[in-house]
N, C-alpha and C. Protein backbone atom coordinates (compact mmCIF):
# COMPACT_ATOMS: atom_id res chain seq x y z
N MET A 1 -3.45 27.82 17.43
CA MET A 1 -2.22 27.57 18.15
C MET A 1 -1.11 27.28 17.37
N SER A 2 -0.18 27.64 17.27
CA SER A 2 1.10 27.40 16.67
C SER A 2 2.17 26.79 17.33
N THR A 3 1.90 26.13 18.68
CA THR A 3 2.76 25.62 19.38
C THR A 3 2.31 24.12 20.13
N ILE A 4 3.17 23.31 20.41
CA ILE A 4 2.90 22.16 21.09
C ILE A 4 3.13 22.23 22.50
N PRO A 5 2.04 22.18 23.37
CA PRO A 5 2.27 22.06 24.70
C PRO A 5 2.73 20.61 25.12
N LYS A 6 3.41 20.52 26.33
CA LYS A 6 4.13 19.71 26.77
C LYS A 6 3.20 18.61 27.38
N THR A 7 1.53 19.23 27.44
CA THR A 7 0.64 18.17 27.89
C THR A 7 0.22 16.85 26.86
N ILE A 8 0.60 17.34 25.80
CA ILE A 8 0.51 16.34 24.56
C ILE A 8 1.42 15.23 24.81
N PHE A 9 2.56 15.34 24.95
CA PHE A 9 3.35 14.27 25.48
C PHE A 9 3.50 13.52 26.55
N GLU A 10 2.91 14.44 27.69
CA GLU A 10 2.56 13.84 29.01
C GLU A 10 1.39 12.70 28.96
N PHE A 11 0.32 13.04 28.02
CA PHE A 11 -0.61 12.26 27.71
C PHE A 11 -0.22 11.05 26.73
N LEU A 12 0.78 10.92 25.89
CA LEU A 12 1.31 9.90 25.12
C LEU A 12 2.23 9.07 26.09
N LYS A 13 3.01 9.49 26.76
CA LYS A 13 3.69 9.05 27.80
C LYS A 13 2.84 8.14 28.89
N ASP A 14 1.88 8.66 29.45
CA ASP A 14 1.06 8.00 30.33
C ASP A 14 0.20 6.94 29.52
N LEU A 15 -0.17 7.05 28.19
CA LEU A 15 -0.60 6.30 27.55
C LEU A 15 0.21 4.97 26.92
N LYS A 16 1.57 5.04 26.96
CA LYS A 16 2.41 4.25 26.69
C LYS A 16 2.41 3.11 28.06
N GLN A 17 2.19 3.69 29.15
CA GLN A 17 2.50 2.91 30.29
C GLN A 17 0.96 2.09 30.45
N ASN A 18 -0.07 2.65 29.87
CA ASN A 18 -1.26 2.26 30.27
C ASN A 18 -2.09 1.84 28.99
N ASN A 19 -1.73 1.14 27.97
CA ASN A 19 -2.19 0.93 26.86
C ASN A 19 -3.27 -0.11 26.72
N HIS A 20 -4.54 0.67 27.37
CA HIS A 20 -5.53 -0.53 27.40
C HIS A 20 -6.92 0.50 27.07
N ARG A 21 -7.91 -0.11 26.84
CA ARG A 21 -9.09 0.53 26.56
C ARG A 21 -9.92 1.07 27.92
N ASP A 22 -9.55 0.61 29.15
CA ASP A 22 -9.99 1.34 30.11
C ASP A 22 -9.52 2.59 30.41
N TRP A 23 -8.23 2.72 30.74
CA TRP A 23 -7.60 3.76 30.50
C TRP A 23 -7.80 4.86 29.67
N MET A 24 -8.17 4.53 28.40
CA MET A 24 -8.20 5.54 27.32
C MET A 24 -9.93 6.06 27.68
N THR A 25 -10.77 5.34 28.01
CA THR A 25 -11.85 5.76 28.28
C THR A 25 -11.91 6.63 29.45
N GLU A 26 -11.16 6.46 30.51
CA GLU A 26 -11.20 7.29 31.82
C GLU A 26 -10.39 8.82 31.47
N ASN A 27 -9.81 8.94 30.35
CA ASN A 27 -9.12 9.99 29.80
C ASN A 27 -9.34 10.34 28.46
N LYS A 28 -10.52 10.22 28.17
CA LYS A 28 -11.13 10.48 26.92
C LYS A 28 -11.16 12.05 26.65
N LYS A 29 -11.50 12.79 27.52
CA LYS A 29 -11.58 14.11 27.62
C LYS A 29 -10.20 14.59 27.31
N GLN A 30 -9.36 14.37 27.97
CA GLN A 30 -8.11 14.71 27.86
C GLN A 30 -7.43 14.54 26.42
N TYR A 31 -7.66 13.34 25.90
CA TYR A 31 -7.50 12.93 24.38
C TYR A 31 -8.02 13.74 23.45
N GLN A 32 -9.36 14.23 23.88
CA GLN A 32 -10.24 14.94 22.85
C GLN A 32 -9.77 16.41 22.92
N SER A 33 -9.35 16.84 23.86
CA SER A 33 -8.70 18.35 24.26
C SER A 33 -7.27 18.31 23.31
N ASN A 34 -6.37 17.36 23.67
CA ASN A 34 -5.27 17.20 22.80
C ASN A 34 -5.48 17.22 21.38
N GLU A 35 -6.63 16.47 20.87
CA GLU A 35 -6.72 16.60 19.39
C GLU A 35 -7.10 17.76 18.92
N LYS A 36 -7.85 18.86 19.62
CA LYS A 36 -8.31 20.03 19.16
C LYS A 36 -7.24 20.71 19.32
N ILE A 37 -6.05 20.71 19.97
CA ILE A 37 -4.88 21.38 20.01
C ILE A 37 -4.07 20.96 18.75
N LEU A 38 -4.18 19.98 18.42
CA LEU A 38 -2.98 19.38 17.41
C LEU A 38 -3.72 19.74 16.01
N LYS A 39 -5.28 19.81 15.94
CA LYS A 39 -5.89 20.06 14.71
C LYS A 39 -5.67 21.61 14.30
N THR A 40 -5.44 22.08 15.44
CA THR A 40 -5.29 23.49 15.01
C THR A 40 -3.80 23.85 14.46
N PHE A 41 -2.90 23.06 15.14
CA PHE A 41 -1.53 23.26 14.65
C PHE A 41 -1.23 22.70 13.42
N TYR A 42 -2.05 21.66 12.91
CA TYR A 42 -1.99 21.23 11.55
C TYR A 42 -2.35 22.04 10.69
N ALA A 43 -3.61 22.94 11.03
CA ALA A 43 -4.11 24.04 10.38
C ALA A 43 -3.07 25.04 9.97
N SER A 44 -2.47 25.38 10.99
CA SER A 44 -1.31 26.22 10.87
C SER A 44 -0.16 25.92 9.75
N VAL A 45 -0.02 24.64 9.88
CA VAL A 45 1.12 24.02 9.00
C VAL A 45 0.58 24.00 7.52
N VAL A 46 -0.65 23.84 7.35
CA VAL A 46 -1.16 24.07 5.90
C VAL A 46 -1.34 25.49 5.51
N GLU A 47 -1.61 26.38 6.31
CA GLU A 47 -1.93 27.94 6.13
C GLU A 47 -0.04 28.10 5.59
N ARG A 48 0.77 27.71 6.30
CA ARG A 48 2.00 28.28 5.89
C ARG A 48 2.54 27.27 4.78
N LEU A 49 2.20 26.37 4.54
CA LEU A 49 2.55 25.35 3.42
C LEU A 49 2.03 26.06 1.96
N SER A 50 0.72 26.60 2.23
CA SER A 50 0.07 27.07 0.85
C SER A 50 0.35 28.35 0.61
N GLU A 51 1.43 29.00 1.34
CA GLU A 51 1.79 30.30 0.75
C GLU A 51 2.90 30.06 -0.45
N LYS A 52 3.45 28.73 -0.55
CA LYS A 52 4.17 28.29 -1.69
C LYS A 52 3.83 26.90 -2.30
N ASP A 53 2.71 26.49 -1.79
CA ASP A 53 2.12 25.19 -2.31
C ASP A 53 0.93 24.98 -2.32
N GLU A 54 0.20 24.12 -2.76
CA GLU A 54 -1.29 23.80 -2.57
C GLU A 54 -1.54 22.43 -2.03
N ILE A 55 -2.28 22.63 -0.93
CA ILE A 55 -2.51 21.51 -0.18
C ILE A 55 -3.88 20.83 -0.31
N GLU A 56 -4.34 19.65 -0.91
CA GLU A 56 -5.49 19.30 -1.12
C GLU A 56 -6.16 18.45 0.19
N LYS A 57 -5.38 18.03 1.09
CA LYS A 57 -5.87 17.26 1.91
C LYS A 57 -4.96 16.96 3.17
N THR A 58 -5.77 17.01 4.55
CA THR A 58 -4.84 16.55 5.78
C THR A 58 -5.40 15.30 6.09
N LYS A 59 -4.52 14.53 6.62
CA LYS A 59 -4.93 13.20 7.03
C LYS A 59 -4.56 12.79 8.40
N VAL A 60 -5.32 13.02 9.43
CA VAL A 60 -5.04 12.82 10.74
C VAL A 60 -5.08 11.23 10.95
N PHE A 61 -3.91 10.53 11.38
CA PHE A 61 -3.90 9.13 11.46
C PHE A 61 -4.66 8.76 12.70
N ARG A 62 -5.47 7.64 12.77
CA ARG A 62 -6.08 7.47 13.74
C ARG A 62 -5.05 6.83 15.04
N ILE A 63 -5.67 7.03 16.21
CA ILE A 63 -4.96 6.51 17.61
C ILE A 63 -5.05 5.23 17.60
N ASN A 64 -6.10 4.41 17.40
CA ASN A 64 -6.50 3.06 17.36
C ASN A 64 -5.67 2.52 16.40
N ARG A 65 -4.87 1.31 16.73
CA ARG A 65 -4.04 0.32 15.98
C ARG A 65 -4.71 -0.49 15.44
N ASP A 66 -4.34 -0.83 14.15
CA ASP A 66 -4.75 -2.20 13.42
C ASP A 66 -3.83 -3.60 13.95
N VAL A 67 -4.60 -4.33 14.77
CA VAL A 67 -3.88 -5.37 15.65
C VAL A 67 -4.03 -6.55 14.71
N ARG A 68 -4.69 -6.71 13.69
CA ARG A 68 -5.19 -7.88 13.02
C ARG A 68 -4.08 -8.75 12.85
N PHE A 69 -2.89 -8.20 12.21
CA PHE A 69 -1.65 -8.92 11.84
C PHE A 69 -0.50 -8.59 12.43
N SER A 70 -0.81 -8.11 13.74
CA SER A 70 0.62 -7.81 14.43
C SER A 70 0.50 -8.66 15.66
N LYS A 71 1.61 -8.95 16.13
CA LYS A 71 1.80 -9.60 17.47
C LYS A 71 1.73 -8.65 18.65
N ASN A 72 1.84 -7.45 18.46
CA ASN A 72 1.70 -6.42 19.34
C ASN A 72 0.08 -6.01 19.30
N LYS A 73 -0.45 -6.56 20.43
CA LYS A 73 -1.98 -6.45 20.59
C LYS A 73 -2.45 -5.13 21.44
N THR A 74 -1.51 -4.12 21.69
CA THR A 74 -2.05 -3.26 22.25
C THR A 74 -2.85 -2.21 21.49
N PRO A 75 -3.98 -1.61 21.74
CA PRO A 75 -4.89 -1.04 21.12
C PRO A 75 -4.70 0.09 20.40
N TYR A 76 -3.64 0.90 21.12
CA TYR A 76 -3.48 2.39 20.79
C TYR A 76 -1.97 2.57 20.32
N ASN A 77 -1.77 3.51 19.23
CA ASN A 77 -0.62 4.24 18.65
C ASN A 77 -0.12 5.10 20.04
N VAL A 78 1.29 5.27 20.47
CA VAL A 78 1.57 6.07 21.25
C VAL A 78 2.35 7.45 20.70
N HIS A 79 1.78 7.72 19.33
CA HIS A 79 2.24 8.66 18.69
C HIS A 79 1.16 9.37 18.18
N ARG A 80 1.27 10.47 17.51
CA ARG A 80 0.10 11.26 16.73
C ARG A 80 0.92 11.76 15.28
N SER A 81 0.31 11.20 14.30
CA SER A 81 0.76 11.43 13.08
C SER A 81 -0.14 11.98 12.00
N VAL A 82 0.12 12.75 11.30
CA VAL A 82 -0.57 13.23 10.18
C VAL A 82 0.12 13.58 8.74
N SER A 83 -0.56 13.57 7.94
CA SER A 83 0.08 13.64 6.39
C SER A 83 -0.65 14.84 5.83
N PHE A 84 -0.04 15.70 4.68
CA PHE A 84 -0.79 16.57 4.14
C PHE A 84 -0.39 16.19 2.33
N SER A 85 -1.41 16.15 1.92
CA SER A 85 -1.52 15.72 0.34
C SER A 85 -1.45 16.82 -0.44
N ARG A 86 -0.57 17.27 -1.52
CA ARG A 86 -0.55 18.15 -2.47
C ARG A 86 -1.60 17.87 -3.26
N ALA A 87 -2.21 19.08 -4.11
CA ALA A 87 -3.29 19.15 -4.95
C ALA A 87 -2.76 18.97 -6.33
N GLY A 88 -3.68 18.26 -7.22
CA GLY A 88 -3.53 18.28 -8.44
C GLY A 88 -2.64 16.98 -9.21
N ALA A 89 -2.93 16.58 -10.22
CA ALA A 89 -2.22 15.44 -10.70
C ALA A 89 -0.82 15.83 -11.09
N HIS A 90 -0.39 17.13 -11.49
CA HIS A 90 0.78 17.62 -11.70
C HIS A 90 1.83 17.80 -10.40
N ARG A 91 1.06 17.86 -9.22
CA ARG A 91 2.02 17.78 -7.98
C ARG A 91 2.10 16.77 -7.39
N ARG A 92 3.16 15.96 -7.14
CA ARG A 92 3.48 14.76 -6.70
C ARG A 92 4.46 14.99 -5.29
N GLY A 93 4.04 14.01 -4.46
CA GLY A 93 4.74 14.26 -3.31
C GLY A 93 4.03 14.57 -2.10
N GLY A 94 4.02 13.93 -0.62
CA GLY A 94 3.63 14.26 0.50
C GLY A 94 4.30 14.66 1.56
N TYR A 95 3.83 15.17 2.45
CA TYR A 95 4.66 15.69 3.44
C TYR A 95 3.84 14.75 4.90
N TYR A 96 4.49 14.56 5.77
CA TYR A 96 4.37 13.69 6.84
C TYR A 96 4.99 14.56 8.23
N LEU A 97 4.18 14.23 9.53
CA LEU A 97 4.63 14.76 10.47
C LEU A 97 4.46 13.75 11.54
N ARG A 98 5.43 13.48 12.38
CA ARG A 98 5.20 12.20 13.48
C ARG A 98 5.36 12.95 15.08
N LEU A 99 4.50 13.06 15.88
CA LEU A 99 4.61 13.48 16.94
C LEU A 99 4.91 12.36 18.04
N GLU A 100 5.98 12.21 18.64
CA GLU A 100 6.02 11.07 19.87
C GLU A 100 7.42 11.34 20.80
N PRO A 101 7.21 11.44 22.04
CA PRO A 101 8.05 11.59 23.02
C PRO A 101 9.45 11.08 22.59
N GLY A 102 10.33 11.35 22.18
CA GLY A 102 11.64 10.93 21.99
C GLY A 102 12.10 10.68 20.61
N ASN A 103 10.96 10.62 19.66
CA ASN A 103 10.84 10.17 18.30
C ASN A 103 10.13 10.83 17.44
N SER A 104 10.29 12.30 17.67
CA SER A 104 9.34 12.92 16.72
C SER A 104 10.29 13.36 15.22
N LEU A 105 9.47 13.31 14.15
CA LEU A 105 10.17 13.75 12.68
C LEU A 105 8.90 14.12 11.88
N MET A 106 9.61 14.88 10.94
CA MET A 106 8.84 15.25 9.46
C MET A 106 9.55 14.22 8.63
N ALA A 107 8.70 13.99 7.49
CA ALA A 107 9.37 13.30 6.25
C ALA A 107 8.66 13.88 5.12
N GLY A 108 9.22 13.30 3.93
CA GLY A 108 8.35 13.74 2.73
C GLY A 108 8.96 12.96 1.48
N GLY A 109 8.11 12.78 0.67
CA GLY A 109 8.47 12.07 -0.24
C GLY A 109 7.56 11.24 -1.21
N PHE A 110 7.96 10.20 -1.50
CA PHE A 110 7.08 9.01 -2.16
C PHE A 110 7.23 7.75 -1.51
N PHE A 111 6.30 7.39 -0.36
CA PHE A 111 6.52 6.21 0.49
C PHE A 111 6.00 5.03 -0.08
N SER A 112 5.06 4.89 -0.66
CA SER A 112 5.06 3.44 -1.53
C SER A 112 4.22 3.49 -2.54
N PRO A 113 5.11 4.11 -3.61
CA PRO A 113 4.56 4.26 -4.93
C PRO A 113 4.02 3.16 -5.61
N GLU A 114 2.76 3.43 -6.45
CA GLU A 114 2.32 2.33 -7.26
C GLU A 114 3.42 1.61 -8.17
N SER A 115 2.97 0.76 -8.76
CA SER A 115 4.08 -0.06 -9.36
C SER A 115 4.47 0.76 -10.78
N ALA A 116 3.69 1.13 -11.28
CA ALA A 116 4.04 2.01 -12.65
C ALA A 116 4.74 3.28 -12.42
N ASP A 117 4.34 3.97 -11.30
CA ASP A 117 5.23 4.87 -10.74
C ASP A 117 6.94 4.58 -10.29
N LEU A 118 6.81 3.45 -9.64
CA LEU A 118 7.93 3.02 -8.90
C LEU A 118 8.86 2.81 -10.28
N LEU A 119 8.30 2.11 -11.34
CA LEU A 119 9.17 1.41 -12.57
C LEU A 119 9.51 3.02 -13.15
N ARG A 120 8.72 3.88 -13.42
CA ARG A 120 8.78 5.04 -14.06
C ARG A 120 10.19 5.88 -13.43
N VAL A 121 10.28 5.81 -12.01
CA VAL A 121 11.18 6.63 -11.30
C VAL A 121 12.59 5.62 -11.42
N ARG A 122 12.36 4.53 -11.60
CA ARG A 122 13.90 3.69 -11.53
C ARG A 122 14.24 3.84 -13.16
N LYS A 123 13.47 3.77 -13.89
CA LYS A 123 14.10 4.00 -15.37
C LYS A 123 14.54 5.43 -15.61
N GLU A 124 14.02 6.27 -14.87
CA GLU A 124 14.50 7.56 -14.74
C GLU A 124 16.02 7.72 -14.40
N PHE A 125 16.22 6.98 -13.20
CA PHE A 125 17.41 7.07 -12.49
C PHE A 125 18.30 6.02 -13.08
N GLU A 126 18.06 5.08 -13.78
CA GLU A 126 18.72 4.25 -14.71
C GLU A 126 19.38 5.11 -15.88
N MET A 127 18.67 5.75 -16.63
CA MET A 127 18.93 6.63 -17.49
C MET A 127 19.73 7.87 -17.33
N ASP A 128 19.42 8.53 -16.15
CA ASP A 128 20.09 9.68 -15.81
C ASP A 128 19.76 10.20 -14.48
N ASP A 129 21.43 10.17 -13.48
CA ASP A 129 20.89 10.37 -12.23
C ASP A 129 21.43 11.69 -11.81
N GLN A 130 22.09 12.61 -12.65
CA GLN A 130 22.54 13.85 -12.41
C GLN A 130 21.77 14.75 -11.59
N GLU A 131 20.42 14.87 -12.19
CA GLU A 131 19.60 15.79 -11.41
C GLU A 131 19.09 15.61 -10.06
N ILE A 132 18.90 14.09 -9.81
CA ILE A 132 18.45 13.83 -8.47
C ILE A 132 19.76 13.73 -7.55
N ARG A 133 20.92 13.55 -8.06
CA ARG A 133 22.10 13.58 -6.95
C ARG A 133 22.46 15.11 -6.72
N ASP A 134 22.26 15.98 -7.56
CA ASP A 134 22.20 17.23 -7.31
C ASP A 134 21.69 17.76 -6.27
N ILE A 135 19.92 17.37 -6.36
CA ILE A 135 19.47 17.74 -5.19
C ILE A 135 19.78 17.20 -3.92
N LEU A 136 20.06 15.82 -3.99
CA LEU A 136 20.29 14.89 -2.59
C LEU A 136 21.73 15.65 -2.19
N SER A 137 22.56 16.34 -2.91
CA SER A 137 23.61 16.75 -2.51
C SER A 137 23.97 18.34 -2.23
N ASN A 138 22.77 19.02 -2.46
CA ASN A 138 22.52 20.30 -2.17
C ASN A 138 23.07 20.57 -0.60
N ALA A 139 23.68 21.59 -0.10
CA ALA A 139 24.36 21.73 1.09
C ALA A 139 23.03 21.86 1.92
N ASP A 140 21.90 22.67 2.06
CA ASP A 140 20.90 22.63 2.79
C ASP A 140 20.19 21.60 2.94
N PHE A 141 20.10 20.81 2.02
CA PHE A 141 19.14 19.47 1.83
C PHE A 141 19.88 18.52 2.64
N LYS A 142 21.25 18.50 2.26
CA LYS A 142 22.10 17.46 2.89
C LYS A 142 22.44 17.59 4.33
N LYS A 143 22.41 18.88 4.73
CA LYS A 143 22.57 19.23 6.49
C LYS A 143 21.38 18.75 7.16
N ALA A 144 20.00 18.85 6.44
CA ALA A 144 18.82 18.55 6.98
C ALA A 144 18.35 16.96 7.11
N PHE A 145 18.90 16.17 5.97
CA PHE A 145 18.40 14.86 5.54
C PHE A 145 19.65 14.15 5.19
N SER A 146 19.55 12.89 5.40
CA SER A 146 20.89 11.87 5.25
C SER A 146 20.71 11.07 4.04
N GLY A 147 19.94 11.56 2.89
CA GLY A 147 19.50 11.02 1.78
C GLY A 147 18.31 9.85 1.95
N PHE A 148 17.74 9.20 0.91
CA PHE A 148 16.75 8.53 0.91
C PHE A 148 16.73 7.43 1.95
N ASP A 149 15.59 7.45 2.44
CA ASP A 149 15.67 6.11 3.67
C ASP A 149 15.84 4.97 2.86
N SER A 150 16.76 4.10 3.48
CA SER A 150 17.14 2.90 2.66
C SER A 150 16.74 1.54 3.45
N SER A 151 15.77 1.84 4.22
CA SER A 151 15.24 0.65 5.07
C SER A 151 14.30 -0.32 4.18
N ASN A 152 13.63 0.25 3.01
CA ASN A 152 12.90 -0.66 2.21
C ASN A 152 13.49 -0.45 0.74
N GLN A 153 14.37 -1.62 0.74
CA GLN A 153 15.25 -1.77 -0.51
C GLN A 153 15.02 -3.30 -1.10
N VAL A 154 15.09 -3.61 -2.17
CA VAL A 154 15.53 -4.96 -2.64
C VAL A 154 17.07 -5.31 -2.45
N LYS A 155 17.08 -6.65 -2.39
CA LYS A 155 18.59 -6.88 -1.97
C LYS A 155 19.54 -6.78 -2.89
N THR A 156 19.29 -6.79 -4.12
CA THR A 156 20.40 -6.96 -5.12
C THR A 156 19.84 -5.85 -6.20
N ALA A 157 18.95 -6.06 -7.08
CA ALA A 157 18.47 -5.23 -8.10
C ALA A 157 16.86 -5.77 -8.34
N PRO A 158 16.26 -4.82 -9.00
CA PRO A 158 14.76 -4.84 -9.18
C PRO A 158 14.89 -5.94 -10.52
N LYS A 159 13.65 -6.52 -11.05
CA LYS A 159 13.87 -7.35 -12.16
C LYS A 159 13.86 -6.19 -13.47
N GLY A 160 14.75 -6.88 -14.11
CA GLY A 160 15.05 -6.13 -15.22
C GLY A 160 16.10 -5.07 -15.20
N PHE A 161 16.80 -4.81 -14.31
CA PHE A 161 17.81 -3.98 -13.84
C PHE A 161 19.15 -4.51 -13.43
N SER A 162 20.33 -4.06 -13.82
CA SER A 162 21.45 -4.85 -13.62
C SER A 162 22.11 -4.33 -12.09
N LYS A 163 22.24 -5.58 -11.28
CA LYS A 163 23.05 -5.10 -9.99
C LYS A 163 24.25 -4.51 -10.18
N ASP A 164 24.94 -4.30 -11.46
CA ASP A 164 26.17 -3.63 -11.53
C ASP A 164 25.88 -2.38 -12.06
N HIS A 165 24.73 -1.81 -12.25
CA HIS A 165 24.57 -0.56 -12.94
C HIS A 165 24.88 0.48 -11.80
N PRO A 166 25.54 1.62 -12.18
CA PRO A 166 26.18 2.71 -11.36
C PRO A 166 25.24 3.31 -10.36
N ASN A 167 24.03 3.51 -10.78
CA ASN A 167 23.09 4.03 -10.25
C ASN A 167 22.22 3.01 -9.32
N ILE A 168 22.82 2.05 -8.75
CA ILE A 168 21.94 0.65 -8.49
C ILE A 168 21.18 1.30 -7.00
N ASP A 169 22.29 1.96 -6.48
CA ASP A 169 22.16 2.42 -5.00
C ASP A 169 20.79 3.30 -5.07
N LEU A 170 20.36 3.97 -6.08
CA LEU A 170 18.99 4.77 -6.21
C LEU A 170 17.77 3.58 -6.70
N ILE A 171 18.26 2.83 -7.80
CA ILE A 171 17.18 2.10 -8.25
C ILE A 171 16.83 1.04 -7.28
N LYS A 172 17.66 0.57 -6.53
CA LYS A 172 16.92 -0.37 -5.20
C LYS A 172 16.03 0.02 -4.40
N ASN A 173 15.82 1.23 -4.32
CA ASN A 173 14.80 1.60 -3.49
C ASN A 173 13.26 1.32 -3.87
N LYS A 174 12.65 1.09 -2.93
CA LYS A 174 10.92 0.88 -3.18
C LYS A 174 10.30 2.16 -2.70
N SER A 175 10.96 3.00 -1.94
CA SER A 175 10.33 4.21 -1.78
C SER A 175 11.39 5.25 -1.81
N PHE A 176 11.23 6.55 -2.01
CA PHE A 176 11.62 7.75 -1.96
C PHE A 176 11.66 8.73 -1.25
N PHE A 177 11.84 8.55 0.04
CA PHE A 177 11.67 9.94 0.85
C PHE A 177 12.77 10.11 1.94
N VAL A 178 12.66 11.21 2.33
CA VAL A 178 13.80 11.64 3.45
C VAL A 178 13.24 12.07 4.92
N ALA A 179 13.67 12.23 5.74
CA ALA A 179 13.19 12.26 7.03
C ALA A 179 14.35 13.31 7.88
N HIS A 180 13.65 14.07 8.69
CA HIS A 180 14.24 14.79 9.76
C HIS A 180 13.75 14.63 11.29
N ASN A 181 14.76 14.34 12.19
CA ASN A 181 14.17 14.06 13.74
C ASN A 181 14.06 15.43 14.51
N PHE A 182 13.24 15.46 15.34
CA PHE A 182 13.32 16.50 16.23
C PHE A 182 13.29 16.07 17.52
N THR A 183 14.13 16.83 18.60
CA THR A 183 14.22 16.45 19.90
C THR A 183 13.01 17.02 20.45
N ASP A 184 12.66 16.43 21.67
CA ASP A 184 11.30 17.25 22.34
C ASP A 184 11.42 18.27 22.65
N ALA A 185 12.54 19.25 23.07
CA ALA A 185 12.83 20.51 23.35
C ALA A 185 12.54 21.27 22.03
N GLU A 186 12.74 20.66 20.74
CA GLU A 186 12.33 21.48 19.74
C GLU A 186 11.07 21.64 19.36
N VAL A 187 10.42 20.46 19.58
CA VAL A 187 8.79 20.20 19.53
C VAL A 187 8.24 21.36 20.31
N PHE A 188 8.54 21.40 21.64
CA PHE A 188 7.86 22.52 22.45
C PHE A 188 8.20 23.85 22.25
N ALA A 189 9.39 24.01 21.49
CA ALA A 189 9.92 25.50 21.39
C ALA A 189 8.86 26.05 20.52
N PRO A 190 8.76 27.70 20.85
CA PRO A 190 8.17 28.53 19.83
C PRO A 190 8.11 28.39 18.74
N ASP A 191 9.37 28.01 17.93
CA ASP A 191 9.80 28.29 16.51
C ASP A 191 9.27 26.73 15.74
N PHE A 192 8.80 25.85 16.57
CA PHE A 192 8.54 24.73 16.07
C PHE A 192 8.16 24.72 14.67
N LEU A 193 6.99 24.96 14.63
CA LEU A 193 6.07 25.44 13.28
C LEU A 193 7.10 25.83 12.13
N ASP A 194 7.93 27.08 12.53
CA ASP A 194 9.00 27.51 11.59
C ASP A 194 9.81 26.41 11.00
N LYS A 195 10.27 25.65 11.98
CA LYS A 195 11.04 24.68 11.68
C LYS A 195 10.37 23.51 10.91
N VAL A 196 9.26 23.18 11.06
CA VAL A 196 8.61 21.83 10.23
C VAL A 196 8.25 22.34 9.02
N VAL A 197 7.89 23.83 8.59
CA VAL A 197 7.73 24.33 7.29
C VAL A 197 8.99 24.63 6.75
N TYR A 198 10.31 24.92 7.40
CA TYR A 198 11.38 25.14 6.80
C TYR A 198 11.93 23.62 5.94
N HIS A 199 11.70 22.75 6.83
CA HIS A 199 12.16 21.38 6.33
C HIS A 199 11.21 20.84 5.12
N TYR A 200 9.95 21.29 5.04
CA TYR A 200 9.22 20.99 4.03
C TYR A 200 9.59 21.59 2.84
N GLU A 201 10.00 22.61 3.27
CA GLU A 201 10.30 23.60 1.99
C GLU A 201 11.35 23.10 1.26
N LEU A 202 12.26 22.78 2.20
CA LEU A 202 13.57 22.15 1.35
C LEU A 202 13.28 21.02 0.34
N LEU A 203 12.20 20.37 0.57
CA LEU A 203 11.74 19.13 -0.38
C LEU A 203 11.39 19.86 -1.72
N ARG A 204 10.93 20.91 -1.81
CA ARG A 204 10.34 21.56 -3.04
C ARG A 204 10.98 21.18 -4.37
N PRO A 205 12.42 21.34 -4.41
CA PRO A 205 12.97 20.87 -5.76
C PRO A 205 13.15 19.47 -5.95
N PHE A 206 13.06 18.79 -4.83
CA PHE A 206 13.04 17.20 -4.88
C PHE A 206 11.44 17.12 -5.57
N PHE A 207 10.65 17.78 -4.82
CA PHE A 207 9.26 17.49 -5.16
C PHE A 207 8.89 17.87 -6.97
N ASP A 208 9.31 19.04 -7.32
CA ASP A 208 9.19 19.35 -8.71
C ASP A 208 9.80 18.42 -9.32
N TYR A 209 11.11 18.18 -9.12
CA TYR A 209 11.71 17.11 -10.14
C TYR A 209 10.97 15.82 -10.23
N MET A 210 10.30 15.01 -9.29
CA MET A 210 9.82 13.98 -9.52
C MET A 210 8.56 14.18 -9.81
N SER A 211 8.07 15.25 -9.75
CA SER A 211 6.70 15.52 -10.28
C SER A 211 6.84 15.66 -11.85
N ASP A 212 7.81 16.13 -12.31
CA ASP A 212 8.15 16.12 -13.65
C ASP A 212 8.47 14.73 -14.22
N VAL A 213 9.14 13.92 -13.36
CA VAL A 213 9.44 12.56 -14.03
C VAL A 213 8.11 11.87 -13.91
N LEU A 214 7.29 12.10 -13.14
CA LEU A 214 6.10 11.03 -12.99
C LEU A 214 4.92 11.65 -14.09
N THR A 215 4.80 12.69 -14.36
CA THR A 215 4.02 13.31 -15.41
C THR A 215 4.49 13.16 -16.80
N THR A 216 5.71 12.43 -17.20
CA THR A 216 5.94 12.47 -18.53
C THR A 216 6.51 11.20 -18.60
N ASP A 217 6.78 10.71 -19.86
CA ASP A 217 7.14 9.56 -20.37
C ASP A 217 9.07 9.77 -20.33
N LEU A 218 9.47 8.52 -20.77
CA LEU A 218 11.21 8.55 -20.79
C LEU A 218 11.74 9.65 -21.77
N ASN A 219 10.56 9.97 -22.91
CA ASN A 219 10.86 11.04 -23.89
C ASN A 219 10.70 12.34 -23.67
N GLY A 220 10.07 12.52 -22.01
CA GLY A 220 9.61 14.04 -21.94
C GLY A 220 8.29 14.29 -22.31
N VAL A 221 7.38 13.57 -22.69
CA VAL A 221 6.19 13.82 -23.33
C VAL A 221 5.36 13.63 -22.35
N SER A 222 4.45 14.69 -22.16
CA SER A 222 3.58 14.91 -20.86
C SER A 222 2.30 13.82 -20.91
N LEU A 223 2.02 13.23 -19.75
CA LEU A 223 1.19 12.14 -19.46
C LEU A 223 -0.28 12.66 -19.05
N ILE A 224 -0.29 13.83 -18.63
CA ILE A 224 -1.63 14.32 -18.07
C ILE A 224 -1.93 15.38 -18.98
N ASP A 225 -1.51 16.01 -20.05
CA ASP A 225 -2.34 17.09 -20.84
C ASP A 225 -3.20 16.55 -21.91
């Protein structure tokens, strides 16, 4: 199945109003039926992505919440999320999809890079910002996305970097990803799969650039050969 039926969101809306284990137990069959539909849709995404990329893994996030360190003790997420990992050390970046009534989105990039990768990217931006700014300012890219998500930044400058550097707007980021929201009507539309794949494919120049950065040192020497 390459479409998302409205029953998926109807279930999630009901879950939001009845977020407890008894209700989930009573509606387990519907939940399992929905998951089969979604996994088929995810497989369609992978099939389409694989026409121009190589996907190594699909990770379906659990509906159960980890409430150990949260004030919100409701046991279940009221959205369904999945990520698609690219194959090989030379392919960096990840694809993400979130389905939630009134809050669906796709995203892609580098969500929480490890410290060595984060430093490498920041050093690249400190040295040369032209290529990344060309990517971010591309007309189609800019129309689809509003630049890097800036919700996870240091306040002034990371250690070892000047707060007055002209590229500090890029360097302050702890993550490097973009996102695009979809309306519920778009999610249910017959061309939703096409729209998701289109937005993922817009990320490829960004992924290619970042993959090159993260697999070389500052002198351009390969780290994986």
